Amino acid sequence: MVRRALAPGAAALVAATAVALALGGRGAAASAAIGIGVVLGNFAAHGWSLAKASDVSVTAVQVVALAGFVVRLGVIVALLFALDRLAPWFSPLAFGLTVVPATLSLLAYEVALVLRRRIGAGLQVPPEPAAARAARALAAREGLR
């Protein structure tokens, strides 16, 4: 999933940087490039964390999906404030106008992949250990095994 987003991400990087350079100068272009990099890094972290959580349990996938989203958005906002305070050339407007549409585009891309069954169809999440024990106990009690 993440590898499939790299080519469109590179195209978005070039386009966002060119538009920001034309409209706001070098600082805006650098801010837009950082924004695209942050979005791609966020997406890669999302894919990696879900892959690792799927090795643990369904509950871990759910926790990582929800809490990870909040944590990653917090990192983006913290980066916005840190760059605004520390880098005089940084343009929060260019950063924000790049991050928001790029994030929404990646979410739409992910939805399209899921709807086309390119991702998620072969997802193998191990059963919850307690549920597996309960299923075995029930099957033994009912004489199914």
C-alpha atoms as a PDB file:
ATOM      1  CA  MET A   1       0.000   0.000   0.000  1.00  0.00           C
ATOM      2  CA  VAL A   2       2.738   2.442   0.934  1.00  0.00           C
ATOM      3  CA  ARG A   3       4.897   1.547  -2.063  1.00  0.00           C
ATOM      4  CA  ARG A   4       1.967   2.247  -4.363  1.00  0.00           C
ATOM      5  CA  ALA A   5       1.741   5.786  -2.964  1.00  0.00           C
ATOM      6  CA  LEU A   6       5.384   6.695  -3.628  1.00  0.00           C
ATOM      7  CA  ALA A   7       5.048   7.589  -7.324  1.00  0.00           C
ATOM      8  CA  PRO A   8       1.975   9.808  -6.819  1.00  0.00           C
ATOM      9  CA  GLY A   9       3.719  11.249  -3.755  1.00  0.00           C
ATOM     10  CA  ALA A  10       6.776  12.181  -5.801  1.00  0.00           C
ATOM     11  CA  ALA A  11       4.522  13.826  -8.391  1.00  0.00           C
ATOM     12  CA  ALA A  12       2.711  15.715  -5.624  1.00  0.00           C
ATOM     13  CA  LEU A  13       6.062  16.830  -4.213  1.00  0.00           C
ATOM     14  CA  VAL A  14       7.127  18.311  -7.540  1.00  0.00           C
ATOM     15  CA  ALA A  15       3.725  19.908  -8.181  1.00  0.00           C
ATOM     16  CA  ALA A  16       3.317  21.379  -4.695  1.00  0.00           C
ATOM     17  CA  THR A  17       6.855  22.729  -4.671  1.00  0.00           C
ATOM     18  CA  ALA A  18       6.451  24.322  -8.108  1.00  0.00           C
ATOM     19  CA  VAL A  19       3.107  25.929  -7.244  1.00  0.00           C
ATOM     20  CA  ALA A  20       4.379  27.213  -3.891  1.00  0.00           C
ATOM     21  CA  LEU A  21       7.545  28.558  -5.535  1.00  0.00           C
ATOM     22  CA  ALA A  22       5.504  30.406  -8.135  1.00  0.00           C
ATOM     23  CA  LEU A  23       3.031  31.829  -5.614  1.00  0.00           C
ATOM     24  CA  GLY A  24       5.077  32.387  -2.486  1.00  0.00           C
ATOM     25  CA  GLY A  25       8.787  32.095  -3.135  1.00  0.00           C
ATOM     26  CA  ARG A  26      11.494  29.782  -1.857  1.00  0.00           C
ATOM     27  CA  GLY A  27      10.281  29.669   1.757  1.00  0.00           C
ATOM     28  CA  ALA A  28       6.802  28.624   0.679  1.00  0.00           C
ATOM     29  CA  ALA A  29       8.273  26.036  -1.704  1.00  0.00           C
ATOM     30  CA  ALA A  30      10.405  24.549   1.074  1.00  0.00           C
ATOM     31  CA  SER A  31       7.389  24.549   3.410  1.00  0.00           C
ATOM     32  CA  ALA A  32       5.252  22.778   0.802  1.00  0.00           C
ATOM     33  CA  ALA A  33       8.000  20.210   0.165  1.00  0.00           C
ATOM     34  CA  ILE A  34       8.252  19.556   3.909  1.00  0.00           C
ATOM     35  CA  GLY A  35       4.470  19.203   4.017  1.00  0.00           C
ATOM     36  CA  ILE A  36       4.443  16.534   1.308  1.00  0.00           C
ATOM     37  CA  GLY A  37       7.339  14.743   3.018  1.00  0.00           C
ATOM     38  CA  VAL A  38       5.471  14.789   6.321  1.00  0.00           C
ATOM     39  CA  VAL A  39       2.333  13.364   4.706  1.00  0.00           C
ATOM     40  CA  LEU A  40       4.277  10.572   2.986  1.00  0.00           C
ATOM     41  CA  GLY A  41       6.145   9.835   6.223  1.00  0.00           C
ATOM     42  CA  ASN A  42       2.846   9.790   8.096  1.00  0.00           C
ATOM     43  CA  PHE A  43       1.394   7.353   5.575  1.00  0.00           C
ATOM     44  CA  ALA A  44       4.466   5.107   5.779  1.00  0.00           C
ATOM     45  CA  ALA A  45       4.278   5.132   9.589  1.00  0.00           C
ATOM     46  CA  HIS A  46       0.587   4.241   9.349  1.00  0.00           C
ATOM     47  CA  GLY A  47       1.258   1.260   7.067  1.00  0.00           C
ATOM     48  CA  TRP A  48       4.228   0.040   9.097  1.00  0.00           C
ATOM     49  CA  SER A  49       2.416   0.313  12.446  1.00  0.00           C
ATOM     50  CA  LEU A  50      -0.653  -1.533  11.147  1.00  0.00           C
ATOM     51  CA  ALA A  51       1.547  -4.282   9.702  1.00  0.00           C
ATOM     52  CA  LYS A  52       3.295  -4.729  13.042  1.00  0.00           C
ATOM     53  CA  ALA A  53      -0.004  -4.660  14.954  1.00  0.00           C
ATOM     54  CA  SER A  54      -1.522  -7.293  12.673  1.00  0.00           C
ATOM     55  CA  ASP A  55       1.112  -9.721  13.953  1.00  0.00           C
ATOM     56  CA  VAL A  56      -0.260  -9.272  17.472  1.00  0.00           C
ATOM     57  CA  SER A  57      -4.066  -9.273  17.433  1.00  0.00           C
ATOM     58  CA  VAL A  58      -7.215  -7.658  16.083  1.00  0.00           C
ATOM     59  CA  THR A  59      -7.386  -5.486  19.197  1.00  0.00           C
ATOM     60  CA  ALA A  60      -3.853  -4.256  18.573  1.00  0.00           C
ATOM     61  CA  VAL A  61      -4.797  -3.308  15.008  1.00  0.00           C
ATOM     62  CA  GLN A  62      -7.801  -1.349  16.291  1.00  0.00           C
ATOM     63  CA  VAL A  63      -5.765   0.435  18.970  1.00  0.00           C
ATOM     64  CA  VAL A  64      -2.965   1.286  16.546  1.00  0.00           C
ATOM     65  CA  ALA A  65      -5.436   2.511  13.921  1.00  0.00           C
ATOM     66  CA  LEU A  66      -7.235   4.853  16.329  1.00  0.00           C
ATOM     67  CA  ALA A  67      -4.473   5.953  18.686  1.00  0.00           C
ATOM     68  CA  GLY A  68      -1.893   6.043  15.908  1.00  0.00           C
ATOM     69  CA  PHE A  69      -4.035   8.456  13.916  1.00  0.00           C
ATOM     70  CA  VAL A  70      -4.275  10.835  16.865  1.00  0.00           C
ATOM     71  CA  VAL A  71      -0.558  10.556  17.646  1.00  0.00           C
ATOM     72  CA  ARG A  72       0.487  11.119  14.032  1.00  0.00           C
ATOM     73  CA  LEU A  73      -1.773  14.169  13.724  1.00  0.00           C
ATOM     74  CA  GLY A  74      -0.271  15.494  16.953  1.00  0.00           C
ATOM     75  CA  VAL A  75       3.210  15.086  15.485  1.00  0.00           C
ATOM     76  CA  ILE A  76       2.176  17.026  12.363  1.00  0.00           C
ATOM     77  CA  VAL A  77       0.738  19.877  14.451  1.00  0.00           C
ATOM     78  CA  ALA A  78       3.801  19.924  16.731  1.00  0.00           C
ATOM     79  CA  LEU A  79       6.054  20.054  13.676  1.00  0.00           C
ATOM     80  CA  LEU A  80       4.014  22.950  12.289  1.00  0.00           C
ATOM     81  CA  PHE A  81       4.432  24.962  15.497  1.00  0.00           C
ATOM     82  CA  ALA A  82       8.113  24.056  15.894  1.00  0.00           C
ATOM     83  CA  LEU A  83       8.998  25.064  12.341  1.00  0.00           C
ATOM     84  CA  ASP A  84       6.957  28.248  12.639  1.00  0.00           C
ATOM     85  CA  ARG A  85       8.860  29.221  15.772  1.00  0.00           C
ATOM     86  CA  LEU A  86      12.355  28.054  14.766  1.00  0.00           C
ATOM     87  CA  ALA A  87      12.598  28.641  11.010  1.00  0.00           C
ATOM     88  CA  PRO A  88      12.132  32.239   9.833  1.00  0.00           C
ATOM     89  CA  TRP A  89      11.632  31.121   6.210  1.00  0.00           C
ATOM     90  CA  PHE A  90       8.835  28.660   7.104  1.00  0.00           C
ATOM     91  CA  SER A  91       5.354  29.395   5.756  1.00  0.00           C
ATOM     92  CA  PRO A  92       2.584  27.826   7.886  1.00  0.00           C
ATOM     93  CA  LEU A  93       0.069  28.699   5.173  1.00  0.00           C
ATOM     94  CA  ALA A  94       1.976  26.822   2.457  1.00  0.00           C
ATOM     95  CA  PHE A  95       2.571  23.919   4.845  1.00  0.00           C
ATOM     96  CA  GLY A  96      -1.112  23.712   5.792  1.00  0.00           C
ATOM     97  CA  LEU A  97      -2.363  24.162   2.237  1.00  0.00           C
ATOM     98  CA  THR A  98      -0.132  21.269   1.250  1.00  0.00           C
ATOM     99  CA  VAL A  99      -0.652  18.901   4.188  1.00  0.00           C
ATOM    100  CA  VAL A 100      -4.461  19.008   4.287  1.00  0.00           C
ATOM    101  CA  PRO A 101      -5.191  18.208   0.618  1.00  0.00           C
ATOM    102  CA  ALA A 102      -2.335  15.706   0.448  1.00  0.00           C
ATOM    103  CA  THR A 103      -3.665  13.876   3.516  1.00  0.00           C
ATOM    104  CA  LEU A 104      -7.207  13.854   2.124  1.00  0.00           C
ATOM    105  CA  SER A 105      -5.880  12.592  -1.224  1.00  0.00           C
ATOM    106  CA  LEU A 106      -4.013   9.742   0.470  1.00  0.00           C
ATOM    107  CA  LEU A 107      -7.110   8.811   2.469  1.00  0.00           C
ATOM    108  CA  ALA A 108      -9.162   8.747  -0.747  1.00  0.00           C
ATOM    109  CA  TYR A 109      -6.425   6.632  -2.367  1.00  0.00           C
ATOM    110  CA  GLU A 110      -6.519   4.184   0.531  1.00  0.00           C
ATOM    111  CA  VAL A 111     -10.312   3.937   0.331  1.00  0.00           C
ATOM    112  CA  ALA A 112     -10.107   3.280  -3.405  1.00  0.00           C
ATOM    113  CA  LEU A 113      -7.594   0.485  -2.827  1.00  0.00           C
ATOM    114  CA  VAL A 114      -9.778  -1.087  -0.153  1.00  0.00           C
ATOM    115  CA  LEU A 115     -12.877  -0.865  -2.353  1.00  0.00           C
ATOM    116  CA  ARG A 116     -10.987  -2.494  -5.230  1.00  0.00           C
ATOM    117  CA  ARG A 117      -9.836  -5.183  -2.786  1.00  0.00           C
ATOM    118  CA  ARG A 118      -6.173  -4.464  -3.489  1.00  0.00           C
ATOM    119  CA  ILE A 119      -5.457  -4.247   0.224  1.00  0.00           C
ATOM    120  CA  GLY A 120      -7.070  -5.885   3.189  1.00  0.00           C
ATOM    121  CA  ALA A 121      -8.360  -8.937   1.321  1.00  0.00           C
ATOM    122  CA  GLY A 122      -5.377 -11.075   2.257  1.00  0.00           C
ATOM    123  CA  LEU A 123      -4.909  -9.598   5.710  1.00  0.00           C
ATOM    124  CA  GLN A 124      -4.105 -12.396   8.122  1.00  0.00           C
ATOM    125  CA  VAL A 125      -4.712 -11.346  11.706  1.00  0.00           C
ATOM    126  CA  PRO A 126      -4.163 -14.094  14.266  1.00  0.00           C
ATOM    127  CA  PRO A 127      -7.137 -14.935  16.463  1.00  0.00           C
ATOM    128  CA  GLU A 128      -7.304 -13.408  19.908  1.00  0.00           C
ATOM    129  CA  PRO A 129      -5.780 -16.000  22.282  1.00  0.00           C
ATOM    130  CA  ALA A 130      -8.670 -15.846  24.757  1.00  0.00           C
ATOM    131  CA  ALA A 131     -11.235 -16.211  21.961  1.00  0.00           C
ATOM    132  CA  ALA A 132      -9.341 -19.156  20.465  1.00  0.00           C
ATOM    133  CA  ARG A 133      -9.231 -20.906  23.870  1.00  0.00           C
ATOM    134  CA  ALA A 134     -12.939 -20.273  24.387  1.00  0.00           C
ATOM    135  CA  ALA A 135     -13.760 -21.636  20.923  1.00  0.00           C
ATOM    136  CA  ARG A 136     -11.720 -24.793  21.584  1.00  0.00           C
ATOM    137  CA  ALA A 137     -13.380 -25.276  24.984  1.00  0.00           C
ATOM    138  CA  LEU A 138     -16.844 -24.802  23.494  1.00  0.00           C
ATOM    139  CA  ALA A 139     -16.091 -27.204  20.653  1.00  0.00           C
ATOM    140  CA  ALA A 140     -14.798 -29.810  23.131  1.00  0.00           C
ATOM    141  CA  ARG A 141     -17.826 -29.355  25.385  1.00  0.00           C
ATOM    142  CA  GLU A 142     -20.226 -29.701  22.455  1.00  0.00           C
ATOM    143  CA  GLY A 143     -18.383 -32.744  21.134  1.00  0.00           C
ATOM    144  CA  LEU A 144     -17.279 -31.149  17.897  1.00  0.00           C
ATOM    145  CA  ARG A 145     -13.647 -32.147  18.234  1.00  0.00           C
END
